[in-house]
C-alpha atoms as a PDB file:
ATOM      1  CA  GLY A   1     127.919 -87.626  51.847  1.00  0.00           C
ATOM      2  CA  GLU A   2     126.192 -84.725  54.050  1.00  0.00           C
ATOM      3  CA  PHE A   3     126.409 -84.437  57.687  1.00  0.00           C
ATOM      4  CA  GLY A   4     124.329 -81.793  59.230  1.00  0.00           C
ATOM      5  CA  PRO A   5     123.361 -81.887  63.219  1.00  0.00           C
ATOM      6  CA  THR A   6     121.488 -78.864  64.347  1.00  0.00           C
ATOM      7  CA  THR A   7     121.054 -77.445  68.022  1.00  0.00           C
ATOM      8  CA  ARG A   8     118.337 -75.100  69.222  1.00  0.00           C
ATOM      9  CA  HIS A   9     118.658 -71.636  70.966  1.00  0.00           C
ATOM     10  CA  ALA A  10     116.429 -68.813  72.117  1.00  0.00           C
ATOM     11  CA  CYS A  11     115.791 -66.222  69.476  1.00  0.00           C
ATOM     12  CA  CYS A  12     117.008 -62.462  70.001  1.00  0.00           C
ATOM     13  CA  GLN A  13     119.762 -63.186  72.803  1.00  0.00           C
ATOM     14  CA  ASN A  14     123.176 -61.388  72.211  1.00  0.00           C
ATOM     15  CA  ARG A  15     124.907 -64.803  72.015  1.00  0.00           C
ATOM     16  CA  VAL A  16     122.822 -65.459  68.853  1.00  0.00           C
ATOM     17  CA  THR A  17     124.673 -62.414  66.948  1.00  0.00           C
ATOM     18  CA  SER A  18     127.786 -63.906  67.872  1.00  0.00           C
ATOM     19  CA  ILE A  19     126.992 -67.334  66.630  1.00  0.00           C
ATOM     20  CA  HIS A  20     125.529 -66.146  63.263  1.00  0.00           C
ATOM     21  CA  ARG A  21     128.823 -63.992  63.008  1.00  0.00           C
ATOM     22  CA  ILE A  22     131.328 -67.004  63.613  1.00  0.00           C
ATOM     23  CA  ALA A  23     128.983 -69.250  61.203  1.00  0.00           C
ATOM     24  CA  ASP A  24     129.052 -66.394  58.539  1.00  0.00           C
ATOM     25  CA  ILE A  25     132.991 -66.247  58.973  1.00  0.00           C
ATOM     26  CA  ILE A  26     133.431 -70.131  58.505  1.00  0.00           C
ATOM     27  CA  ARG A  27     130.819 -70.578  55.944  1.00  0.00           C
ATOM     28  CA  GLY A  28     132.701 -72.089  52.692  1.00  0.00           C
ATOM     29  CA  VAL A  29     136.014 -73.295  54.551  1.00  0.00           C
ATOM     30  CA  VAL A  30     137.524 -76.470  52.967  1.00  0.00           C
ATOM     31  CA  ILE A  31     139.420 -78.942  55.165  1.00  0.00           C
ATOM     32  CA  PRO A  32     141.923 -80.472  52.403  1.00  0.00           C
ATOM     33  CA  PRO A  33     142.623 -84.286  52.456  1.00  0.00           C
ATOM     34  CA  GLY A  34     144.880 -85.028  55.145  1.00  0.00           C
ATOM     35  CA  GLY A  35     144.629 -81.257  56.725  1.00  0.00           C
ATOM     36  CA  SER A  36     143.282 -79.784  59.615  1.00  0.00           C
ATOM     37  CA  PHE A  37     141.292 -76.722  60.474  1.00  0.00           C
ATOM     38  CA  SER A  38     141.675 -74.573  63.598  1.00  0.00           C
ATOM     39  CA  VAL A  39     138.593 -72.369  64.605  1.00  0.00           C
ATOM     40  CA  ASN A  40     140.893 -70.225  66.380  1.00  0.00           C
ATOM     41  CA  ASP A  41     143.427 -69.791  63.798  1.00  0.00           C
ATOM     42  CA  TYR A  42     140.789 -68.705  61.195  1.00  0.00           C
ATOM     43  CA  VAL A  43     138.759 -66.756  63.381  1.00  0.00           C
ATOM     44  CA  GLY A  44     141.051 -64.895  65.480  1.00  0.00           C
ATOM     45  CA  ARG A  45     140.151 -63.250  68.549  1.00  0.00           C
ATOM     46  CA  ARG A  46     136.448 -62.477  68.894  1.00  0.00           C
ATOM     47  CA  THR A  47     135.944 -58.487  69.030  1.00  0.00           C
ATOM     48  CA  ILE A  48     133.191 -55.904  68.952  1.00  0.00           C
ATOM     49  CA  GLU A  49     134.949 -54.500  65.631  1.00  0.00           C
ATOM     50  CA  LYS A  50     134.596 -58.283  64.028  1.00  0.00           C
ATOM     51  CA  GLY A  51     130.935 -58.006  64.883  1.00  0.00           C
ATOM     52  CA  PHE A  52     131.004 -60.069  68.037  1.00  0.00           C
ATOM     53  CA  VAL A  53     128.922 -59.161  71.057  1.00  0.00           C
ATOM     54  CA  SER A  54     129.073 -59.840  75.003  1.00  0.00           C
ATOM     55  CA  ASP A  55     127.129 -62.525  76.651  1.00  0.00           C
ATOM     56  CA  GLY A  56     127.703 -65.589  78.952  1.00  0.00           C
ATOM     57  CA  VAL A  57     130.772 -67.802  79.013  1.00  0.00           C
ATOM     58  CA  ILE A  58     132.129 -70.264  81.694  1.00  0.00           C
ATOM     59  CA  TYR A  59     135.847 -69.447  82.688  1.00  0.00           C
ATOM     60  CA  ASP A  60     137.123 -72.069  85.151  1.00  0.00           C
ATOM     61  CA  GLY A  61     133.877 -73.243  86.168  1.00  0.00           C
ATOM     62  CA  VAL A  62     132.398 -70.044  86.964  1.00  0.00           C
ATOM     63  CA  LEU A  63     129.705 -68.068  84.960  1.00  0.00           C
ATOM     64  CA  THR A  64     130.780 -64.815  83.764  1.00  0.00           C
ATOM     65  CA  GLU A  65     130.498 -62.374  80.253  1.00  0.00           C
ATOM     66  CA  ASP A  66     132.958 -62.139  77.525  1.00  0.00           C
ATOM     67  CA  VAL A  67     132.672 -60.747  73.810  1.00  0.00           C
ATOM     68  CA  GLY A  68     131.854 -63.833  71.792  1.00  0.00           C
ATOM     69  CA  GLY A  69     129.902 -65.455  74.554  1.00  0.00           C
ATOM     70  CA  GLY A  70     127.630 -68.232  73.083  1.00  0.00           C
ATOM     71  CA  ILE A  71     129.873 -69.273  70.529  1.00  0.00           C
ATOM     72  CA  SER A  72     130.476 -72.590  71.967  1.00  0.00           C
ATOM     73  CA  GLN A  73     126.964 -73.580  70.658  1.00  0.00           C
ATOM     74  CA  PHE A  74     128.583 -73.480  67.112  1.00  0.00           C
ATOM     75  CA  ALA A  75     131.739 -75.272  68.506  1.00  0.00           C
ATOM     76  CA  THR A  76     129.435 -77.883  69.722  1.00  0.00           C
ATOM     77  CA  THR A  77     127.668 -78.254  66.566  1.00  0.00           C
ATOM     78  CA  PHE A  78     130.525 -78.419  64.213  1.00  0.00           C
ATOM     79  CA  PHE A  79     131.851 -80.976  66.846  1.00  0.00           C
ATOM     80  CA  ASN A  80     129.360 -83.193  66.256  1.00  0.00           C
ATOM     81  CA  ALA A  81     129.185 -82.866  62.329  1.00  0.00           C
ATOM     82  CA  ALA A  82     132.611 -83.891  62.380  1.00  0.00           C
ATOM     83  CA  LEU A  83     132.050 -86.707  65.056  1.00  0.00           C
ATOM     84  CA  PHE A  84     129.190 -88.265  62.745  1.00  0.00           C
ATOM     85  CA  ALA A  85     131.177 -87.539  59.470  1.00  0.00           C
ATOM     86  CA  GLY A  86     134.236 -89.780  60.639  1.00  0.00           C
ATOM     87  CA  LEU A  87     136.517 -86.735  61.095  1.00  0.00           C
ATOM     88  CA  GLU A  88     139.049 -86.538  63.890  1.00  0.00           C
ATOM     89  CA  PHE A  89     140.037 -83.858  66.625  1.00  0.00           C
ATOM     90  CA  GLY A  90     143.346 -82.410  66.870  1.00  0.00           C
ATOM     91  CA  GLU A  91     142.006 -80.083  69.730  1.00  0.00           C
ATOM     92  CA  TYR A  92     138.804 -80.091  71.885  1.00  0.00           C
ATOM     93  CA  GLN A  93     137.529 -79.779  74.743  1.00  0.00           C
ATOM     94  CA  SER A  94     134.215 -80.128  76.803  1.00  0.00           C
ATOM     95  CA  HIS A  95     132.425 -77.384  78.575  1.00  0.00           C
ATOM     96  CA  SER A  96     133.299 -77.741  82.557  1.00  0.00           C
ATOM     97  CA  LEU A  97     129.821 -77.522  83.358  1.00  0.00           C
ATOM     98  CA  TYR A  98     127.138 -79.821  81.800  1.00  0.00           C
ATOM     99  CA  ILE A  99     124.678 -77.530  79.800  1.00  0.00           C
ATOM    100  CA  SER A 100     121.126 -79.611  78.941  1.00  0.00           C
ATOM    101  CA  ARG A 101     120.774 -78.090  75.202  1.00  0.00           C
ATOM    102  CA  TYR A 102     124.107 -79.985  74.347  1.00  0.00           C
ATOM    103  CA  PRO A 103     124.729 -83.749  73.895  1.00  0.00           C
ATOM    104  CA  ARG A 104     126.496 -84.975  77.092  1.00  0.00           C
ATOM    105  CA  GLY A 105     129.680 -86.518  76.473  1.00  0.00           C
ATOM    106  CA  HIS A 106     130.133 -85.266  73.069  1.00  0.00           C
ATOM    107  CA  GLU A 107     130.283 -81.500  72.815  1.00  0.00           C
ATOM    108  CA  ALA A 108     132.922 -78.667  72.788  1.00  0.00           C
ATOM    109  CA  THR A 109     133.646 -75.202  73.999  1.00  0.00           C
ATOM    110  CA  ILE A 110     135.858 -72.734  72.497  1.00  0.00           C
ATOM    111  CA  SER A 111     137.735 -69.514  73.816  1.00  0.00           C
ATOM    112  CA  TYR A 112     140.718 -67.669  72.653  1.00  0.00           C
ATOM    113  CA  PRO A 113     143.427 -68.487  72.534  1.00  0.00           C
ATOM    114  CA  ALA A 114     142.540 -71.742  74.351  1.00  0.00           C
ATOM    115  CA  PRO A 115     140.537 -73.876  74.331  1.00  0.00           C
ATOM    116  CA  ASP A 116     140.488 -74.168  70.568  1.00  0.00           C
ATOM    117  CA  LEU A 117     138.498 -76.630  68.478  1.00  0.00           C
ATOM    118  CA  VAL A 118     140.904 -78.414  65.523  1.00  0.00           C
ATOM    119  CA  ILE A 119     139.244 -80.674  63.181  1.00  0.00           C
ATOM    120  CA  GLU A 120     141.438 -83.141  61.076  1.00  0.00           C
ATOM    121  CA  ASN A 121     140.355 -84.467  57.834  1.00  0.00           C
ATOM    122  CA  PRO A 122     142.245 -87.952  57.468  1.00  0.00           C
ATOM    123  CA  SER A 123     140.061 -88.906  54.475  1.00  0.00           C
ATOM    124  CA  PRO A 124     141.220 -88.585  50.715  1.00  0.00           C
ATOM    125  CA  TYR A 125     138.469 -86.142  50.005  1.00  0.00           C
ATOM    126  CA  GLY A 126     138.161 -82.383  50.727  1.00  0.00           C
ATOM    127  CA  VAL A 127     135.292 -81.106  53.273  1.00  0.00           C
ATOM    128  CA  LEU A 128     133.311 -78.206  52.622  1.00  0.00           C
ATOM    129  CA  VAL A 129     131.828 -76.592  55.913  1.00  0.00           C
ATOM    130  CA  TRP A 130     128.776 -74.872  55.660  1.00  0.00           C
ATOM    131  CA  PRO A 131     126.995 -73.438  58.699  1.00  0.00           C
ATOM    132  CA  GLU A 132     123.523 -72.790  58.539  1.00  0.00           C
ATOM    133  CA  TYR A 133     120.987 -70.700  61.004  1.00  0.00           C
ATOM    134  CA  THR A 134     117.760 -69.535  61.754  1.00  0.00           C
ATOM    135  CA  SER A 135     116.710 -67.247  64.465  1.00  0.00           C
ATOM    136  CA  THR A 136     116.272 -70.302  67.002  1.00  0.00           C
ATOM    137  CA  SER A 137     118.680 -73.016  65.270  1.00  0.00           C
ATOM    138  CA  LEU A 138     122.026 -73.398  64.159  1.00  0.00           C
ATOM    139  CA  THR A 139     122.886 -76.204  61.516  1.00  0.00           C
ATOM    140  CA  VAL A 140     126.481 -77.199  60.397  1.00  0.00           C
ATOM    141  CA  ARG A 141     126.498 -79.306  57.358  1.00  0.00           C
ATOM    142  CA  LEU A 142     129.595 -80.818  55.827  1.00  0.00           C
ATOM    143  CA  PHE A 143     129.800 -81.758  52.362  1.00  0.00           C
ATOM    144  CA  SER A 144     132.046 -84.571  51.114  1.00  0.00           C
ATOM    145  CA  THR A 145     132.532 -87.934  49.526  1.00  0.00           C
ATOM    146  CA  THR A 146     131.533 -90.479  52.317  1.00  0.00           C
ATOM    147  CA  TRP A 147     134.495 -92.474  52.672  1.00  0.00           C
ATOM    148  CA  ALA A 148     133.437 -94.240  56.125  1.00  0.00           C
ATOM    149  CA  GLN A 149     130.175 -95.345  57.729  1.00  0.00           C
ATOM    150  CA  VAL A 150     129.981 -94.098  61.452  1.00  0.00           C
ATOM    151  CA  SER A 151     128.141 -95.410  64.294  1.00  0.00           C
ATOM    152  CA  VAL A 152     128.249 -93.533  67.581  1.00  0.00           C
ATOM    153  CA  GLY A 153     127.548 -95.388  70.807  1.00  0.00           C
ATOM    154  CA  GLU A 154     125.933 -93.910  74.061  1.00  0.00           C
ATOM    155  CA  PRO A 155     128.149 -92.174  76.339  1.00  0.00           C
ATOM    156  CA  SER A 156     129.100 -93.847  79.824  1.00  0.00           C
ATOM    157  CA  PRO A 157     129.864 -92.289  82.952  1.00  0.00           C
ATOM    158  CA  SER A 158     132.827 -92.629  85.263  1.00  0.00           C
ATOM    159  CA  PRO A 159     134.038 -90.763  88.471  1.00  0.00           C
ATOM    160  CA  GLN A 160     137.061 -88.286  88.082  1.00  0.00           C
ATOM    161  CA  GLY A 161     137.652 -87.020  91.544  1.00  0.00           C
ATOM    162  CA  ASN A 162     134.334 -84.599  92.139  1.00  0.00           C
ATOM    163  CA  CYS A 163     133.846 -84.775  88.263  1.00  0.00           C
ATOM    164  CA  THR A 164     132.234 -87.183  86.220  1.00  0.00           C
ATOM    165  CA  ARG A 165     133.881 -88.097  82.906  1.00  0.00           C
ATOM    166  CA  TRP A 166     131.510 -89.221  80.208  1.00  0.00           C
ATOM    167  CA  THR A 167     133.141 -91.373  77.301  1.00  0.00           C
ATOM    168  CA  THR A 168     131.431 -91.576  73.972  1.00  0.00           C
ATOM    169  CA  PRO A 169     132.505 -94.759  71.736  1.00  0.00           C
ATOM    170  CA  ARG A 170     132.598 -94.315  67.747  1.00  0.00           C
ATOM    171  CA  THR A 171     133.087 -96.667  65.082  1.00  0.00           C
ATOM    172  CA  ARG A 172     134.045 -96.365  61.666  1.00  0.00           C
ATOM    173  CA  THR A 173     133.755 -98.927  58.892  1.00  0.00           C
ATOM    174  CA  PHE A 174     135.794 -98.256  55.869  1.00  0.00           C
ATOM    175  CA  PRO A 175     135.343 -99.369  52.311  1.00  0.00           C
ATOM    176  CA  ASP A 176     137.701-102.252  52.624  1.00  0.00           C
ATOM    177  CA  GLY A 177     135.440-103.831  55.709  1.00  0.00           C
ATOM    178  CA  SER A 178     137.756-102.772  58.167  1.00  0.00           C
ATOM    179  CA  THR A 179     136.596-101.277  61.379  1.00  0.00           C
ATOM    180  CA  GLU A 180     138.148 -98.640  63.984  1.00  0.00           C
ATOM    181  CA  THR A 181     136.624 -97.594  67.223  1.00  0.00           C
ATOM    182  CA  ASP A 182     137.920 -94.465  69.010  1.00  0.00           C
ATOM    183  CA  THR A 183     136.317 -92.476  71.598  1.00  0.00           C
ATOM    184  CA  VAL A 184     135.686 -88.845  72.608  1.00  0.00           C
ATOM    185  CA  ALA A 185     135.035 -87.602  76.535  1.00  0.00           C
ATOM    186  CA  ALA A 186     133.653 -84.504  78.663  1.00  0.00           C
ATOM    187  CA  VAL A 187     134.462 -84.053  82.165  1.00  0.00           C
ATOM    188  CA  TYR A 188     131.734 -82.123  83.857  1.00  0.00           C
ATOM    189  CA  ARG A 189     132.112 -80.510  87.167  1.00  0.00           C
ATOM    190  CA  PRO A 190     129.497 -81.372  89.598  1.00  0.00           C
ATOM    191  CA  GLU A 191     128.271 -77.514  90.058  1.00  0.00           C
ATOM    192  CA  GLU A 192     129.756 -73.917  89.591  1.00  0.00           C
ATOM    193  CA  GLY A 193     132.868 -73.203  91.446  1.00  0.00           C
ATOM    194  CA  VAL A 194     133.815 -77.000  92.319  1.00  0.00           C
ATOM    195  CA  SER A 195     136.851 -78.316  91.108  1.00  0.00           C
ATOM    196  CA  CYS A 196     137.613 -81.758  90.274  1.00  0.00           C
END
């Protein structure tokens, strides 16, 4: 099977350089059966020397700049490829502020050394990670033998202090007919500088 969600972005921004760089670094990774893949362990700190550039980031609910800013678009696209492919998450964290270009309730941010994005492969088959991009889009394709049919439901909100927690259900149906439902979640602050 192949899973490959796409996210869009404006062309020619600094962040696009960093998105393309992390995609190039990760292209061709194979997550073995029963194994896991940590983006931070594999890529390391994002630096100018490694080909990353500075752009906007959200740090503790406040907008600022850092080298590698923008690569959370890669993290979100990879996260959704894994979600719809039936893979699991050893570690992930949503953006602290909702960004409208991402799917509400099932997205991920990344920074170094944390938060990380760790994808786990519970299937009996290896998974090839193959990011592709254009000047205005990013696609993360996962190639493997299909081992579960996946249905992702609509996210539902619930209050969490000043913030809102969005929970998204996912059901996997396995070849023997058994099913398993789990959830992913995202917690968003109402605005910049406001804590939960």
